[in-house]
N, C-alpha and C. Protein backbone atom coordinates (compact mmCIF):
# COMPACT_ATOMS: atom_id res chain seq x y z
N MET A 1 -27.49 -12.60 0.89
CA MET A 1 -26.10 -12.19 0.86
C MET A 1 -25.66 -11.68 2.22
N GLY A 2 -26.61 -11.28 3.07
CA GLY A 2 -26.26 -10.86 4.42
C GLY A 2 -25.64 -9.48 4.45
N ASN A 3 -24.92 -9.20 5.52
CA ASN A 3 -24.26 -7.92 5.66
C ASN A 3 -23.03 -7.87 4.75
N VAL A 4 -23.01 -6.87 3.89
CA VAL A 4 -21.88 -6.71 2.99
C VAL A 4 -21.03 -5.56 3.52
N ASP A 5 -19.79 -5.86 3.79
CA ASP A 5 -18.86 -4.86 4.28
C ASP A 5 -18.26 -4.11 3.09
N VAL A 6 -18.13 -2.80 3.20
CA VAL A 6 -17.58 -1.99 2.13
C VAL A 6 -16.19 -2.49 1.75
N LYS A 7 -15.41 -2.94 2.71
CA LYS A 7 -14.06 -3.41 2.46
C LYS A 7 -14.03 -4.61 1.54
N GLU A 8 -15.16 -5.30 1.40
CA GLU A 8 -15.24 -6.43 0.49
C GLU A 8 -14.94 -5.99 -0.94
N PHE A 9 -15.20 -4.72 -1.23
CA PHE A 9 -15.00 -4.18 -2.57
C PHE A 9 -13.82 -3.23 -2.62
N TYR A 10 -12.94 -3.30 -1.66
CA TYR A 10 -11.77 -2.42 -1.59
C TYR A 10 -10.90 -2.61 -2.82
N ASP A 11 -10.54 -1.54 -3.46
CA ASP A 11 -9.74 -1.61 -4.68
C ASP A 11 -8.41 -0.90 -4.46
N GLY A 12 -7.62 -1.45 -3.58
CA GLY A 12 -6.33 -0.84 -3.26
C GLY A 12 -5.26 -1.19 -4.28
N VAL A 13 -4.10 -0.58 -4.10
CA VAL A 13 -2.96 -0.82 -4.97
C VAL A 13 -2.46 -2.25 -4.76
N LYS A 14 -2.25 -2.94 -5.87
CA LYS A 14 -1.77 -4.32 -5.81
C LYS A 14 -0.47 -4.43 -6.58
N PHE A 15 0.32 -5.43 -6.25
CA PHE A 15 1.56 -5.70 -6.99
C PHE A 15 1.68 -7.19 -7.18
N TYR A 16 1.67 -7.60 -8.44
CA TYR A 16 1.73 -9.02 -8.77
C TYR A 16 3.08 -9.44 -9.34
N GLY A 17 3.98 -8.50 -9.51
CA GLY A 17 5.30 -8.82 -10.05
C GLY A 17 5.71 -7.80 -11.09
N LYS A 18 6.98 -7.79 -11.35
CA LYS A 18 7.57 -6.79 -12.24
C LYS A 18 7.00 -6.83 -13.66
N ASN A 19 6.62 -7.99 -14.13
CA ASN A 19 6.18 -8.12 -15.51
C ASN A 19 4.66 -8.11 -15.68
N ASP A 20 3.92 -7.75 -14.66
CA ASP A 20 2.47 -7.74 -14.74
C ASP A 20 2.00 -6.59 -15.63
N LEU A 21 1.06 -6.86 -16.49
CA LEU A 21 0.57 -5.84 -17.42
C LEU A 21 -0.24 -4.74 -16.73
N GLY A 22 -0.67 -4.97 -15.51
CA GLY A 22 -1.46 -3.97 -14.80
C GLY A 22 -0.63 -3.00 -13.97
N ASN A 23 0.68 -3.07 -14.04
CA ASN A 23 1.51 -2.23 -13.18
C ASN A 23 1.28 -0.74 -13.39
N ALA A 24 1.11 -0.31 -14.62
CA ALA A 24 0.90 1.13 -14.87
C ALA A 24 -0.38 1.60 -14.19
N TRP A 25 -1.44 0.83 -14.30
CA TRP A 25 -2.70 1.19 -13.67
C TRP A 25 -2.54 1.24 -12.15
N GLN A 26 -1.82 0.26 -11.59
CA GLN A 26 -1.60 0.24 -10.15
C GLN A 26 -0.75 1.43 -9.69
N LEU A 27 0.25 1.80 -10.49
CA LEU A 27 1.08 2.96 -10.13
C LEU A 27 0.30 4.26 -10.21
N GLU A 28 -0.66 4.34 -11.12
CA GLU A 28 -1.54 5.52 -11.17
C GLU A 28 -2.30 5.65 -9.85
N LYS A 29 -2.76 4.52 -9.32
CA LYS A 29 -3.47 4.53 -8.03
C LYS A 29 -2.51 4.82 -6.89
N ALA A 30 -1.24 4.44 -7.04
CA ALA A 30 -0.24 4.63 -5.98
C ALA A 30 0.24 6.07 -5.89
N LYS A 31 0.23 6.77 -6.99
CA LYS A 31 0.79 8.12 -7.04
C LYS A 31 0.23 9.06 -5.97
N PRO A 32 -1.10 9.17 -5.81
CA PRO A 32 -1.61 10.07 -4.76
C PRO A 32 -1.21 9.61 -3.35
N ILE A 33 -1.07 8.32 -3.16
CA ILE A 33 -0.67 7.79 -1.85
C ILE A 33 0.78 8.17 -1.58
N LEU A 34 1.62 8.02 -2.58
CA LEU A 34 3.03 8.41 -2.45
C LEU A 34 3.17 9.91 -2.18
N ASN A 35 2.39 10.71 -2.91
CA ASN A 35 2.49 12.16 -2.76
C ASN A 35 1.96 12.66 -1.42
N ALA A 36 1.01 11.94 -0.83
CA ALA A 36 0.40 12.38 0.42
C ALA A 36 0.99 11.71 1.65
N PHE A 37 1.90 10.76 1.45
CA PHE A 37 2.40 9.98 2.58
C PHE A 37 3.10 10.87 3.61
N THR A 38 2.78 10.59 4.88
CA THR A 38 3.45 11.25 6.00
C THR A 38 3.62 10.24 7.12
N LEU A 39 4.72 10.32 7.80
CA LEU A 39 4.97 9.42 8.92
C LEU A 39 4.04 9.70 10.10
N ASP A 40 3.41 10.85 10.11
CA ASP A 40 2.53 11.24 11.22
C ASP A 40 1.17 10.56 11.18
N LYS A 41 0.80 10.03 10.03
CA LYS A 41 -0.53 9.42 9.91
C LYS A 41 -0.61 8.15 10.76
N GLN A 42 -1.73 8.00 11.45
CA GLN A 42 -1.98 6.79 12.24
C GLN A 42 -2.85 5.85 11.41
N TYR A 43 -2.30 4.72 11.07
CA TYR A 43 -3.02 3.75 10.24
C TYR A 43 -3.81 2.79 11.12
N ALA A 44 -5.09 2.62 10.78
CA ALA A 44 -5.95 1.70 11.52
C ALA A 44 -6.55 0.65 10.59
N ASP A 45 -6.32 0.80 9.31
CA ASP A 45 -6.92 -0.09 8.31
C ASP A 45 -5.83 -0.95 7.69
N ILE A 46 -5.94 -2.25 7.84
CA ILE A 46 -4.93 -3.17 7.31
C ILE A 46 -4.82 -3.06 5.79
N ASN A 47 -5.89 -2.67 5.12
CA ASN A 47 -5.85 -2.52 3.66
C ASN A 47 -4.88 -1.42 3.25
N GLU A 48 -4.84 -0.34 4.02
CA GLU A 48 -3.89 0.73 3.72
C GLU A 48 -2.45 0.27 3.93
N ILE A 49 -2.23 -0.56 4.93
CA ILE A 49 -0.90 -1.09 5.20
C ILE A 49 -0.47 -2.03 4.07
N ILE A 50 -1.39 -2.86 3.62
CA ILE A 50 -1.07 -3.76 2.50
C ILE A 50 -0.77 -2.95 1.24
N GLU A 51 -1.49 -1.85 1.05
CA GLU A 51 -1.19 -0.97 -0.08
C GLU A 51 0.23 -0.42 0.01
N LEU A 52 0.62 0.05 1.19
CA LEU A 52 1.98 0.56 1.36
C LEU A 52 3.00 -0.52 1.02
N TYR A 53 2.75 -1.74 1.47
CA TYR A 53 3.63 -2.86 1.19
C TYR A 53 3.73 -3.11 -0.32
N ASN A 54 2.58 -3.10 -1.00
CA ASN A 54 2.57 -3.33 -2.44
C ASN A 54 3.25 -2.21 -3.20
N ILE A 55 3.03 -0.98 -2.79
CA ILE A 55 3.68 0.16 -3.43
C ILE A 55 5.18 0.07 -3.25
N ARG A 56 5.61 -0.24 -2.04
CA ARG A 56 7.04 -0.39 -1.77
C ARG A 56 7.66 -1.45 -2.67
N ASN A 57 6.98 -2.58 -2.81
CA ASN A 57 7.50 -3.66 -3.66
C ASN A 57 7.60 -3.22 -5.11
N ALA A 58 6.62 -2.49 -5.60
CA ALA A 58 6.64 -2.03 -6.99
C ALA A 58 7.77 -1.04 -7.23
N ILE A 59 7.90 -0.06 -6.35
CA ILE A 59 8.95 0.94 -6.52
C ILE A 59 10.33 0.31 -6.38
N ASN A 60 10.48 -0.61 -5.43
CA ASN A 60 11.77 -1.28 -5.25
C ASN A 60 12.10 -2.23 -6.40
N ALA A 61 11.11 -2.60 -7.19
CA ALA A 61 11.33 -3.42 -8.39
C ALA A 61 11.67 -2.53 -9.59
N ASP A 62 11.88 -1.24 -9.33
CA ASP A 62 12.23 -0.26 -10.37
C ASP A 62 11.15 -0.11 -11.43
N ILE A 63 9.91 -0.21 -10.99
CA ILE A 63 8.78 0.03 -11.88
C ILE A 63 8.39 1.49 -11.73
N ALA A 64 8.19 2.16 -12.86
CA ALA A 64 7.81 3.57 -12.83
C ALA A 64 6.93 3.87 -14.04
N LEU A 65 6.13 4.90 -13.90
CA LEU A 65 5.36 5.36 -15.05
C LEU A 65 6.29 6.12 -15.99
N LYS A 66 6.03 6.03 -17.27
CA LYS A 66 6.86 6.73 -18.25
C LYS A 66 6.82 8.23 -18.04
N SER A 67 5.75 8.71 -17.46
CA SER A 67 5.59 10.16 -17.25
C SER A 67 6.40 10.66 -16.05
N TRP A 68 6.90 9.77 -15.22
CA TRP A 68 7.66 10.19 -14.05
C TRP A 68 9.07 10.61 -14.44
N THR A 69 9.52 11.70 -13.86
CA THR A 69 10.89 12.15 -14.07
C THR A 69 11.84 11.34 -13.19
N GLN A 70 13.12 11.46 -13.45
CA GLN A 70 14.12 10.80 -12.60
C GLN A 70 14.01 11.31 -11.16
N GLU A 71 13.72 12.60 -11.03
CA GLU A 71 13.59 13.19 -9.69
C GLU A 71 12.40 12.60 -8.96
N GLN A 72 11.28 12.42 -9.65
CA GLN A 72 10.12 11.80 -9.03
C GLN A 72 10.42 10.36 -8.61
N CYS A 73 11.08 9.62 -9.49
CA CYS A 73 11.43 8.23 -9.17
C CYS A 73 12.31 8.18 -7.93
N GLN A 74 13.29 9.06 -7.86
CA GLN A 74 14.18 9.08 -6.69
C GLN A 74 13.40 9.48 -5.44
N SER A 75 12.53 10.45 -5.57
CA SER A 75 11.72 10.88 -4.43
C SER A 75 10.82 9.75 -3.93
N TYR A 76 10.21 9.02 -4.86
CA TYR A 76 9.35 7.91 -4.48
C TYR A 76 10.15 6.78 -3.83
N LYS A 77 11.37 6.55 -4.30
CA LYS A 77 12.22 5.54 -3.67
C LYS A 77 12.53 5.94 -2.23
N GLU A 78 12.81 7.20 -2.02
CA GLU A 78 13.08 7.69 -0.67
C GLU A 78 11.83 7.58 0.21
N THR A 79 10.68 7.84 -0.37
CA THR A 79 9.43 7.74 0.38
C THR A 79 9.17 6.30 0.80
N VAL A 80 9.28 5.36 -0.13
CA VAL A 80 8.97 3.97 0.23
C VAL A 80 9.99 3.39 1.20
N ASP A 81 11.18 3.98 1.26
CA ASP A 81 12.16 3.53 2.25
C ASP A 81 11.68 3.78 3.68
N THR A 82 10.72 4.68 3.82
CA THR A 82 10.18 4.98 5.16
C THR A 82 8.94 4.14 5.48
N PHE A 83 8.49 3.31 4.56
CA PHE A 83 7.29 2.50 4.77
C PHE A 83 7.50 1.37 5.77
N SER A 84 8.68 0.76 5.78
CA SER A 84 8.90 -0.44 6.60
C SER A 84 8.58 -0.23 8.08
N PRO A 85 9.05 0.86 8.70
CA PRO A 85 8.68 1.04 10.11
C PRO A 85 7.17 1.19 10.34
N VAL A 86 6.50 1.83 9.40
CA VAL A 86 5.04 2.01 9.51
C VAL A 86 4.35 0.65 9.42
N ILE A 87 4.78 -0.15 8.45
CA ILE A 87 4.21 -1.49 8.27
C ILE A 87 4.50 -2.35 9.49
N GLY A 88 5.74 -2.32 9.93
CA GLY A 88 6.14 -3.11 11.10
C GLY A 88 5.39 -2.72 12.35
N LYS A 89 5.23 -1.43 12.57
CA LYS A 89 4.52 -0.95 13.76
C LYS A 89 3.07 -1.44 13.75
N PHE A 90 2.43 -1.36 12.58
CA PHE A 90 1.05 -1.79 12.48
C PHE A 90 0.93 -3.27 12.83
N PHE A 91 1.74 -4.11 12.20
CA PHE A 91 1.63 -5.55 12.42
C PHE A 91 2.06 -5.96 13.82
N SER A 92 2.95 -5.20 14.43
CA SER A 92 3.37 -5.54 15.79
C SER A 92 2.26 -5.29 16.81
N GLN A 93 1.26 -4.50 16.43
CA GLN A 93 0.15 -4.20 17.33
C GLN A 93 -1.01 -5.18 17.19
N ILE A 94 -0.89 -6.11 16.26
CA ILE A 94 -1.95 -7.11 16.09
C ILE A 94 -1.73 -8.24 17.09
N ASN A 95 -2.78 -8.54 17.84
CA ASN A 95 -2.74 -9.65 18.78
C ASN A 95 -4.14 -10.25 18.88
N ASP A 96 -4.29 -11.26 19.70
CA ASP A 96 -5.59 -11.92 19.83
C ASP A 96 -6.70 -10.95 20.24
N CYS A 97 -6.36 -9.97 21.05
CA CYS A 97 -7.36 -9.02 21.53
C CYS A 97 -7.75 -8.00 20.46
N SER A 98 -6.82 -7.70 19.56
CA SER A 98 -7.11 -6.67 18.56
C SER A 98 -7.78 -7.22 17.31
N LEU A 99 -7.84 -8.53 17.17
CA LEU A 99 -8.49 -9.13 16.01
C LEU A 99 -10.00 -9.24 16.24
N ASN A 100 -10.74 -8.89 15.22
CA ASN A 100 -12.19 -9.06 15.25
C ASN A 100 -12.52 -10.19 14.28
N LEU A 101 -12.42 -11.41 14.77
CA LEU A 101 -12.60 -12.57 13.92
C LEU A 101 -14.02 -12.71 13.38
N SER A 102 -14.99 -12.07 14.02
CA SER A 102 -16.36 -12.19 13.55
C SER A 102 -16.51 -11.53 12.18
N ARG A 103 -15.64 -10.59 11.84
CA ARG A 103 -15.71 -9.94 10.52
C ARG A 103 -15.05 -10.79 9.45
N ILE A 104 -14.23 -11.74 9.86
CA ILE A 104 -13.52 -12.60 8.91
C ILE A 104 -14.36 -13.83 8.58
N ILE A 105 -15.03 -14.35 9.56
CA ILE A 105 -15.77 -15.60 9.41
C ILE A 105 -17.07 -15.39 8.66
């Protein structure tokens, strides 16, 4: 099997669409990320960026846990509105020099 990278088993937040039966489980995983999000954090892991993207898509699709209050839903919508610059900044820093293709192949 060779060298197994821990990221091979990464279980981040996913979003497959508004009608996916796993949305509640994914939102449970998203909740601590939403609550801890800060613009000051420096992201170095593409998996975390993809999680932010997936969380943003879920919240913008008006998916919420039944246990969330209207205030929480509004707060989370405001939080995910700040994700785009973080996502954009991360991807704008990817270039031929910053890619480690040996980990992909």
